[in-house]
Structure formats: structure tokens, C-alpha cells
Amino acid sequence: MRQKYLELFRSLPFQHVADTPTVRHYTDWRVFEERLGLPHSETELEVPPQLSHIRPHVRLGLGASYVTREGVKVFGEPIEPMSTIEVADKMTAYHAASWRAGAHLELEGEFGNLYVISLGGEAYMGHHLTLKVRGGASGNVYFLDVLPDGRNLKTFFIEGAVEEKASVGIHLLSLHSPGSAAFTLGKFLIYDGAEVTSRSLVVGGKMSRVQLDYVVKGEGAKLKAFASSAGRSGTKTDFVLNSYNVGAYSEVIVAGRGAALDKGYLSLRGSAIVEESARQASSEIELQVIMLGEEARGFAVPVLEIHSGEVAKGNHSAGISHVAAEHLFYLSSRGLSRKEAERLMVSGILGFSGLAEELNLDPLELL
């Protein structure tokens, strides 16, 4: 299979979209292209100080290490990796051919909070993780995706399945240093009666492409996804949130907030697709990006596709703006400088998803 994926890597393009100005620029594929020849890393990053208070149960670096406990089973190899992800572009094929460390998690009962950390290295590092949440299980899984500074590259893929009537949180923190390049992809299948809450927070590097796909397959299944992101000066982040209503009476809410700072670049985009089989389903997607700085670039791009003739609800909205002068005036009238006011706004945006609070993090320290 590795050889097959390597052949696909050589033949596939980075993306299949039409060559139009409205699409081609969201991810700067040139940053990935110039790093695809990097060797595998021989060293791994230590856990960054912002996360030193968290004790991970699973650690992915040059290899995989883990501890087990009640309700949690960990296997040293992913089970059927790439079985739910279509290999249709160059970076996905590159990961499929090149990743080296991974694990498989099975969660059941009331498993509490589980922390999984994926570290980076000085060159290329690839991690792959598969996840199965058994029927009726409850708890939270936190994926911590970190990458050090430097001319490096990391790919991190997660494939998850949430079985019937489970109630879980599936959360992602991507913290990439300014010189790094990262390609992160998560795909989660949600079955009958299951309820998933997803909180994500992405702070990108030289070029970070982070994509989360939620396939709400089951009847009556529910998803609530909340996302925060920031594009710092000199960095580029393309954060994509996709949801697919497949099951009848399924419910989806996706909401994201982002900030492009100074000379930073941020695109916050996604799609809400209601399939023909999703009778009386509801789907909502709302994305907002503010720009702080004359040279900041920000994009908010939600797409709504409805293929069913029986829909309970379907909404999408977007907002893109510079910081309003009246907001700054209001804060300055209460004794804050412009810089302090902007930091307060950014803190609110990064705190929107709720993940920083759950992990006991100061949002501004992540910048």
C-alpha cells in the first residue's frame, strides 16, 4: 500500500479545484512543495511550556508511548489506516506513504478525559491515529497537535468513529510555530443517536492547513462544533470545517471565529452539506473573521449545499471586517490603550471555542 500511495503522490495535484482567484490562494501549497524532500526527523520536540501542566496518556513522536486505564484501550498501531479518507490529493498521498508513528484507541463506558499529544521534529514527522468510541460511551478526547519552529514539516491524521448513543467531546488544539509547515486532517463518523461536541483552536505557522470533516451518518445524531483561530504576523493558516448530514433527523451546528493580526493571513472556511437521505435534518454554519492591521488578510467562506427535499433547517452566514472604530473608542474610554483593546478582542476570539478554558490556557500565551 505504501508503494501505491507513493505512486499516487507523484501523479496527483495538490488540489482539484478550478484555477480561479477565489479558490487557489487559500492554502499556499508552495510552502509544502519546497519541504516534501525533507528527511524523517531524528529528534522530537519536547512538550511546549504552555502545555506542561497536561499529562498526556498517548504521546506520538518518533514512536508511540502510552498508558492505559479503565475504559481506555490503546494499541501500538492504527487499525485500517486510510480506510475512511479518500487519497485524492498530493499531501494526503504523501502522508499515506510516509507516516511512521501511530496508535489505535478504543474508548468505552465513562472514560473521563483523555489527552493525546502529537509532537514535531527538526525535519519531517508523520503521525496517524485511529479512534473508536464504543456505543454508550461518554467522556472527552483532547488532541494536542504541536510543532516547533524551523524549516520542518508535519502531517497528522485522525480517523474516528463514534458509535450509537455515545456522548463525547472530540477536541483539537493545533499550535504551530511561525517557521513550521503542518498538514492536519481529522475525519469523524457519527452514528445513530450519538452526540458529539467538538472544540478546536488553531494557531498556525509558516503554512498550516487544518481540516476537520464530520460525517453525521446516524439517525438522530448530533454535532456541535466550535472553532477559534488566529493568523499571526508572517504566518498563514487555512482552517477548514466540513459537515455532512447523512442520517435522517440529524442536527449540525458549526460556528467559528478568527482573527488575522498585523501581516498575518487567515482563512476560516467550510461546508455544510445535507445529503438526500437526511430527511428532516438541520444544518447551520457561521464563520466570522476580523482583521487587526492594515496588511492583515482574512477570509470567511461558508458553503451550504442541500440535496434533500425535506429539511428542518438550513442556514449559513459569514462576517469579515476590520475592527470597528466605535469598539476601540468604547474600550479606550474605559482606560485601555489601542494595543490593550486589540489584545482583549483577540483573547475573546481565541476563547470562543471554549477549548482554552477547558485546557486551563491563557489564549494570548499561545500567540
Protein backbone atom coordinates (compact mmCIF):
# COMPACT_ATOMS: atom_id res chain seq x y z
CA MET A 1 0.00 0.00 0.00
CA ARG A 2 2.86 2.39 0.74
CA GLN A 3 4.15 1.91 -2.80
CA LYS A 4 0.68 2.53 -4.20
CA TYR A 5 0.38 5.77 -2.24
CA LEU A 6 3.86 6.84 -3.35
CA GLU A 7 2.81 6.44 -6.99
CA LEU A 8 -0.33 8.47 -6.32
CA PHE A 9 1.77 11.16 -4.64
CA ARG A 10 3.83 11.51 -7.81
CA SER A 11 0.77 11.80 -10.06
CA LEU A 12 -1.80 13.76 -8.03
CA PRO A 13 -2.07 17.57 -7.84
CA PHE A 14 -2.21 19.47 -4.57
CA GLN A 15 -5.88 20.26 -5.19
CA HIS A 16 -8.53 19.56 -7.79
CA VAL A 17 -10.42 22.84 -7.67
CA ALA A 18 -10.69 25.07 -10.72
CA ASP A 19 -7.88 27.54 -11.28
CA THR A 20 -9.78 30.61 -10.08
CA PRO A 21 -8.70 33.52 -7.87
CA THR A 22 -11.44 32.77 -5.34
CA VAL A 23 -10.12 29.30 -4.51
CA ARG A 24 -6.49 28.76 -5.34
CA HIS A 25 -4.96 31.08 -2.75
CA TYR A 26 -6.45 29.77 0.50
CA THR A 27 -3.60 27.28 1.04
CA ASP A 28 -0.11 28.26 -0.08
CA TRP A 29 0.93 24.88 -1.48
CA ARG A 30 4.39 26.22 -2.40
CA VAL A 31 5.43 26.03 1.26
CA PHE A 32 4.60 22.31 1.34
CA GLU A 33 6.13 21.65 -2.06
CA GLU A 34 9.53 23.00 -1.04
CA ARG A 35 9.58 20.78 2.09
CA LEU A 36 8.46 17.46 0.64
CA GLY A 37 12.07 16.36 0.22
CA LEU A 38 12.89 16.68 3.92
CA PRO A 39 14.19 13.51 5.64
CA HIS A 40 12.38 11.91 8.56
CA SER A 41 13.17 13.65 11.84
CA GLU A 42 15.72 12.02 14.11
CA THR A 43 14.75 14.07 17.16
CA GLU A 44 11.39 15.05 18.61
CA LEU A 45 10.17 18.22 20.28
CA GLU A 46 9.56 18.30 23.98
CA VAL A 47 6.12 19.35 25.18
CA PRO A 48 5.95 23.17 24.95
CA PRO A 49 5.81 25.06 28.26
CA GLN A 50 2.23 26.26 27.70
CA LEU A 51 1.12 22.61 27.87
CA SER A 52 3.48 21.39 30.61
CA HIS A 53 0.62 21.10 33.11
CA ILE A 54 -1.12 18.47 30.94
CA ARG A 55 -0.09 14.83 31.37
CA PRO A 56 -0.78 13.08 28.05
CA HIS A 57 -1.97 9.48 28.06
CA VAL A 58 -0.74 8.91 24.50
CA ARG A 59 2.44 10.50 23.14
CA LEU A 60 3.31 10.39 19.45
CA GLY A 61 6.83 11.45 18.49
CA LEU A 62 9.50 9.32 16.85
CA GLY A 63 7.38 6.42 18.09
CA ALA A 64 4.30 5.90 20.23
CA SER A 65 4.12 5.59 24.01
CA TYR A 66 1.00 5.35 26.14
CA VAL A 67 -0.57 4.43 29.43
CA THR A 68 -3.84 2.55 29.77
CA ARG A 69 -6.62 2.94 32.29
CA GLU A 70 -10.23 1.92 32.83
CA GLY A 71 -12.35 2.48 29.74
CA VAL A 72 -9.33 3.11 27.51
CA LYS A 73 -7.56 0.57 25.29
CA VAL A 74 -4.52 1.65 23.31
CA PHE A 75 -2.89 -0.37 20.53
CA GLY A 76 0.56 0.43 19.14
CA GLU A 77 -0.60 0.52 15.51
CA PRO A 78 -3.59 2.18 13.81
CA ILE A 79 -6.30 -0.23 12.64
CA GLU A 80 -7.08 0.05 8.91
CA PRO A 81 -5.43 3.45 8.41
CA MET A 82 -6.69 5.49 5.43
CA SER A 83 -9.86 3.36 5.24
CA THR A 84 -12.19 6.36 5.63
CA ILE A 85 -10.06 9.04 3.95
CA GLU A 86 -10.02 9.39 0.19
CA VAL A 87 -6.49 9.73 -1.20
CA ALA A 88 -7.26 12.32 -3.86
CA ASP A 89 -4.53 14.96 -3.48
CA LYS A 90 -0.76 15.15 -3.17
CA MET A 91 -0.47 15.90 0.56
CA THR A 92 -2.88 13.13 1.59
CA ALA A 93 -0.95 10.66 -0.58
CA TYR A 94 2.34 11.92 0.87
CA HIS A 95 1.11 11.29 4.40
CA ALA A 96 -0.25 7.83 3.49
CA ALA A 97 3.11 6.83 2.03
CA SER A 98 5.35 8.45 4.65
CA TRP A 99 3.88 8.45 8.19
CA ARG A 100 5.75 6.32 10.72
CA ALA A 101 4.25 6.56 14.22
CA GLY A 102 0.66 5.98 15.27
CA ALA A 103 -1.83 4.24 17.54
CA HIS A 104 -5.40 2.97 17.80
CA LEU A 105 -7.69 3.99 20.68
CA GLU A 106 -10.87 2.24 21.83
CA LEU A 107 -12.98 4.03 24.44
CA GLU A 108 -15.91 2.63 26.39
CA GLY A 109 -18.04 3.45 29.42
CA GLU A 110 -17.34 6.68 31.29
CA PHE A 111 -13.70 7.11 30.29
CA GLY A 112 -13.24 10.69 31.59
CA ASN A 113 -10.70 13.00 29.92
CA LEU A 114 -8.08 11.52 27.59
CA TYR A 115 -5.11 13.56 26.30
CA VAL A 116 -3.21 12.67 23.13
CA ILE A 117 -0.18 14.71 22.06
CA SER A 118 1.41 14.69 18.61
CA LEU A 119 4.91 16.21 18.63
CA GLY A 120 7.04 17.53 15.79
CA GLY A 121 10.71 17.34 14.92
CA GLU A 122 13.53 19.13 13.13
CA ALA A 123 12.60 17.76 9.67
CA TYR A 124 9.54 15.66 8.64
CA MET A 125 7.35 13.77 11.08
CA GLY A 126 4.12 11.91 10.23
CA HIS A 127 1.57 10.57 12.73
CA HIS A 128 -1.62 8.58 12.17
CA LEU A 129 -4.24 7.76 14.78
CA THR A 130 -7.46 5.75 14.60
CA LEU A 131 -10.20 6.07 17.21
CA LYS A 132 -13.29 4.06 18.07
CA VAL A 133 -15.76 5.31 20.70
CA ARG A 134 -17.96 2.39 21.70
CA GLY A 135 -21.74 2.67 21.94
CA GLY A 136 -22.97 4.48 25.02
CA ALA A 137 -19.52 5.77 25.99
CA SER A 138 -19.01 9.24 27.44
CA GLY A 139 -16.01 11.49 28.03
CA ASN A 140 -13.63 13.86 26.24
CA VAL A 141 -10.66 13.30 23.93
CA TYR A 142 -8.17 16.14 23.54
CA PHE A 143 -5.73 16.03 20.61
CA LEU A 144 -2.74 18.34 21.09
CA ASP A 145 -1.01 18.96 17.76
CA VAL A 146 2.26 20.85 18.31
CA LEU A 147 5.17 21.71 16.02
CA PRO A 148 8.42 23.55 16.82
CA ASP A 149 9.92 26.43 14.90
CA GLY A 150 12.17 25.81 11.93
CA ARG A 151 12.08 24.66 8.34
CA ASN A 152 10.19 21.49 9.18
CA LEU A 153 7.00 19.67 8.19
CA LYS A 154 4.43 17.51 9.96
CA THR A 155 1.39 15.56 8.85
CA PHE A 156 -1.11 14.39 11.47
CA PHE A 157 -4.21 12.38 10.52
CA ILE A 158 -7.03 11.21 12.82
CA GLU A 159 -9.79 8.79 11.75
CA GLY A 160 -12.57 8.37 14.29
CA ALA A 161 -15.88 6.56 14.66
CA VAL A 162 -18.46 7.38 17.36
CA GLU A 163 -20.88 4.50 17.77
CA GLU A 164 -24.58 4.53 18.70
CA LYS A 165 -25.73 6.69 21.62
CA ALA A 166 -22.25 7.74 22.69
CA SER A 167 -21.90 11.26 24.08
CA VAL A 168 -18.37 12.58 23.68
CA GLY A 169 -16.23 15.63 23.18
CA ILE A 170 -13.60 15.44 20.41
CA HIS A 171 -11.28 18.44 20.61
CA LEU A 172 -8.19 19.68 18.75
CA LEU A 173 -5.52 22.20 19.70
CA SER A 174 -3.09 22.92 16.83
CA LEU A 175 -0.15 25.03 18.00
CA HIS A 176 2.39 25.51 15.18
CA SER A 177 5.44 27.75 15.50
CA PRO A 178 5.91 30.56 12.94
CA GLY A 179 8.51 28.85 10.72
CA SER A 180 6.81 25.45 10.54
CA ALA A 181 4.53 23.81 7.98
CA ALA A 182 1.73 21.44 9.00
CA PHE A 183 -1.00 19.44 7.29
CA THR A 184 -3.58 18.19 9.80
CA LEU A 185 -6.69 16.22 8.87
CA GLY A 186 -9.40 14.74 11.07
CA LYS A 187 -12.38 12.71 9.87
CA PHE A 188 -15.07 11.56 12.30
CA LEU A 189 -18.10 9.32 11.62
CA ILE A 190 -21.05 9.83 13.99
CA TYR A 191 -23.67 7.08 14.22
CA ASP A 192 -27.32 6.68 15.38
CA GLY A 193 -28.26 8.76 18.38
CA ALA A 194 -24.66 9.77 19.14
CA GLU A 195 -23.87 13.29 20.29
CA VAL A 196 -20.51 14.95 19.62
CA THR A 197 -19.25 18.30 20.84
CA SER A 198 -16.09 19.50 19.12
CA ARG A 199 -13.92 22.41 20.30
CA SER A 200 -10.91 23.43 18.24
CA LEU A 201 -8.27 26.13 18.47
CA VAL A 202 -5.69 26.65 15.71
CA VAL A 203 -2.64 28.92 15.79
CA GLY A 204 -0.78 28.31 12.55
CA GLY A 205 2.80 28.52 11.30
CA LYS A 206 4.52 29.43 8.05
CA MET A 207 1.70 27.47 6.39
CA SER A 208 -0.81 25.42 8.37
CA ARG A 209 -3.63 23.56 6.67
CA VAL A 210 -6.02 22.13 9.28
CA GLN A 211 -9.19 20.36 8.14
CA LEU A 212 -11.90 18.70 10.23
CA ASP A 213 -14.57 16.60 8.50
CA TYR A 214 -17.64 15.44 10.43
CA VAL A 215 -19.89 12.84 8.77
CA VAL A 216 -23.14 12.68 10.73
CA LYS A 217 -24.24 9.30 9.43
CA GLY A 218 -26.77 8.15 12.02
CA GLU A 219 -30.45 8.87 12.50
CA GLY A 220 -30.90 11.49 15.19
CA ALA A 221 -27.14 12.03 15.55
CA LYS A 222 -26.00 15.49 16.72
CA LEU A 223 -22.89 17.60 16.24
CA LYS A 224 -21.94 20.93 17.79
CA ALA A 225 -18.57 22.24 16.57
CA PHE A 226 -17.00 25.47 17.85
CA ALA A 227 -13.72 26.77 16.41
CA SER A 228 -11.23 29.57 17.11
CA SER A 229 -8.16 30.58 15.13
CA ALA A 230 -5.60 33.35 14.70
CA GLY A 231 -3.19 34.21 11.91
CA ARG A 232 -0.12 35.89 13.44
CA SER A 233 2.14 38.26 11.55
CA GLY A 234 4.20 36.38 8.97
CA THR A 235 2.09 33.20 9.19
CA LYS A 236 -0.64 31.62 7.05
CA THR A 237 -3.47 29.45 8.31
CA ASP A 238 -6.16 27.72 6.25
CA PHE A 239 -8.69 26.21 8.67
CA VAL A 240 -11.47 24.14 7.07
CA LEU A 241 -14.56 22.78 8.85
CA ASN A 242 -16.81 20.43 6.85
CA SER A 243 -20.02 18.74 7.99
CA TYR A 244 -22.15 16.17 6.17
CA ASN A 245 -25.71 15.35 7.26
CA VAL A 246 -26.39 11.79 6.09
CA GLY A 247 -28.80 10.45 8.70
CA ALA A 248 -32.46 11.40 8.98
CA TYR A 249 -33.29 13.89 11.77
CA SER A 250 -29.59 14.64 12.29
CA GLU A 251 -28.60 18.04 13.67
CA VAL A 252 -25.43 20.05 12.98
CA ILE A 253 -24.21 23.42 14.28
CA VAL A 254 -20.78 24.73 13.20
CA ALA A 255 -19.56 28.13 14.43
CA GLY A 256 -16.10 29.65 14.03
CA ARG A 257 -14.32 32.88 14.97
CA GLY A 258 -10.93 34.04 13.75
CA ALA A 259 -8.54 36.99 13.77
CA ALA A 260 -5.85 37.98 11.26
CA LEU A 261 -3.17 40.00 13.07
CA ASP A 262 -0.69 42.57 11.69
CA LYS A 263 0.64 40.99 8.47
CA GLY A 264 -0.97 37.64 9.19
CA TYR A 265 -3.18 35.55 6.91
CA LEU A 266 -6.21 33.51 7.97
CA SER A 267 -8.90 31.75 6.02
CA LEU A 268 -11.73 30.21 8.01
CA ARG A 269 -13.96 28.23 5.71
CA GLY A 270 -16.11 25.15 5.49
CA SER A 271 -19.16 23.46 4.04
CA ALA A 272 -22.44 22.21 5.45
CA ILE A 273 -23.81 19.50 3.14
CA VAL A 274 -27.20 17.89 3.65
CA GLU A 275 -27.44 14.65 1.68
CA GLU A 276 -30.63 13.38 0.05
CA SER A 277 -31.01 10.69 2.72
CA ALA A 278 -31.05 13.27 5.54
CA ARG A 279 -34.81 13.76 5.88
CA GLN A 280 -35.82 16.50 8.35
CA ALA A 281 -32.18 17.22 9.13
CA SER A 282 -30.90 20.62 10.22
CA SER A 283 -27.54 22.23 9.45
CA GLU A 284 -26.11 25.63 10.36
CA ILE A 285 -22.67 27.09 9.65
CA GLU A 286 -21.50 30.52 10.78
CA LEU A 287 -17.97 31.90 10.34
CA GLN A 288 -16.59 35.32 11.28
CA VAL A 289 -13.10 36.81 10.84
CA ILE A 290 -11.80 40.21 11.96
CA MET A 291 -8.60 41.88 10.78
CA LEU A 292 -6.33 43.83 13.12
CA GLY A 293 -3.78 45.59 10.97
CA GLU A 294 -3.78 47.32 7.60
CA GLU A 295 -1.88 44.46 5.95
CA ALA A 296 -3.79 41.60 7.57
CA ARG A 297 -5.71 39.30 5.23
CA GLY A 298 -8.76 37.39 6.36
CA PHE A 299 -11.42 35.24 4.66
CA ALA A 300 -14.64 33.70 5.97
CA VAL A 301 -16.16 31.28 3.45
CA PRO A 302 -19.15 29.11 4.48
CA VAL A 303 -20.91 26.95 1.88
CA LEU A 304 -24.36 25.38 2.29
CA GLU A 305 -25.50 22.55 0.00
CA ILE A 306 -28.91 20.95 0.43
CA HIS A 307 -29.76 17.84 -1.59
CA SER A 308 -32.79 16.78 0.45
CA GLY A 309 -36.35 17.88 -0.25
CA GLU A 310 -37.28 17.62 3.43
CA VAL A 311 -35.12 19.87 5.57
CA ALA A 312 -35.90 21.08 9.10
CA LYS A 313 -33.38 23.94 8.95
CA GLY A 314 -30.52 25.16 6.78
CA ASN A 315 -28.58 28.38 7.49
CA HIS A 316 -25.20 29.83 6.66
CA SER A 317 -23.61 33.19 7.38
CA ALA A 318 -20.25 34.93 7.20
CA GLY A 319 -18.69 38.10 8.51
CA ILE A 320 -15.38 39.74 7.53
CA SER A 321 -14.36 43.12 8.90
CA HIS A 322 -11.66 45.32 10.34
CA VAL A 323 -12.05 46.25 13.99
CA ALA A 324 -14.77 48.85 14.22
CA ALA A 325 -13.64 52.29 15.37
CA GLU A 326 -16.55 52.54 17.80
CA HIS A 327 -15.43 49.34 19.55
CA LEU A 328 -11.94 50.73 20.07
CA PHE A 329 -13.38 54.05 21.22
CA TYR A 330 -15.61 52.28 23.74
CA LEU A 331 -12.67 50.36 25.21
CA SER A 332 -10.29 53.34 25.16
CA SER A 333 -12.89 55.42 27.03
CA ARG A 334 -12.52 52.89 29.82
CA GLY A 335 -8.78 53.36 30.10
CA LEU A 336 -7.43 50.78 27.66
CA SER A 337 -4.80 51.60 25.04
CA ARG A 338 -5.42 50.52 21.44
CA LYS A 339 -2.98 47.63 21.86
CA GLU A 340 -4.65 46.51 25.08
CA ALA A 341 -8.07 46.73 23.43
CA GLU A 342 -6.92 44.64 20.48
CA ARG A 343 -5.41 42.03 22.79
CA LEU A 344 -8.70 41.85 24.66
CA MET A 345 -10.55 41.24 21.39
CA VAL A 346 -8.09 38.55 20.29
CA SER A 347 -8.37 36.86 23.66
CA GLY A 348 -12.15 36.73 23.22
CA ILE A 349 -11.85 35.24 19.74
CA LEU A 350 -9.37 32.57 20.81
CA GLY A 351 -11.58 31.80 23.78
CA PHE A 352 -14.73 31.47 21.67
CA SER A 353 -14.45 27.71 21.14
CA GLY A 354 -14.09 27.12 24.88
CA LEU A 355 -11.04 24.87 24.42
CA ALA A 356 -8.54 27.27 26.02
CA GLU A 357 -10.66 27.40 29.16
CA GLU A 358 -11.08 23.61 29.28
CA LEU A 359 -7.31 23.15 28.98
CA ASN A 360 -6.61 25.93 31.52
CA LEU A 361 -4.66 28.00 28.98
CA ASP A 362 -4.22 31.75 28.59
CA PRO A 363 -5.23 32.28 24.92
CA LEU A 364 -2.72 35.10 24.42
CA GLU A 365 0.17 32.93 25.63
CA LEU A 366 -0.49 30.69 22.62
CA LEU A 367 0.49 33.58 20.34
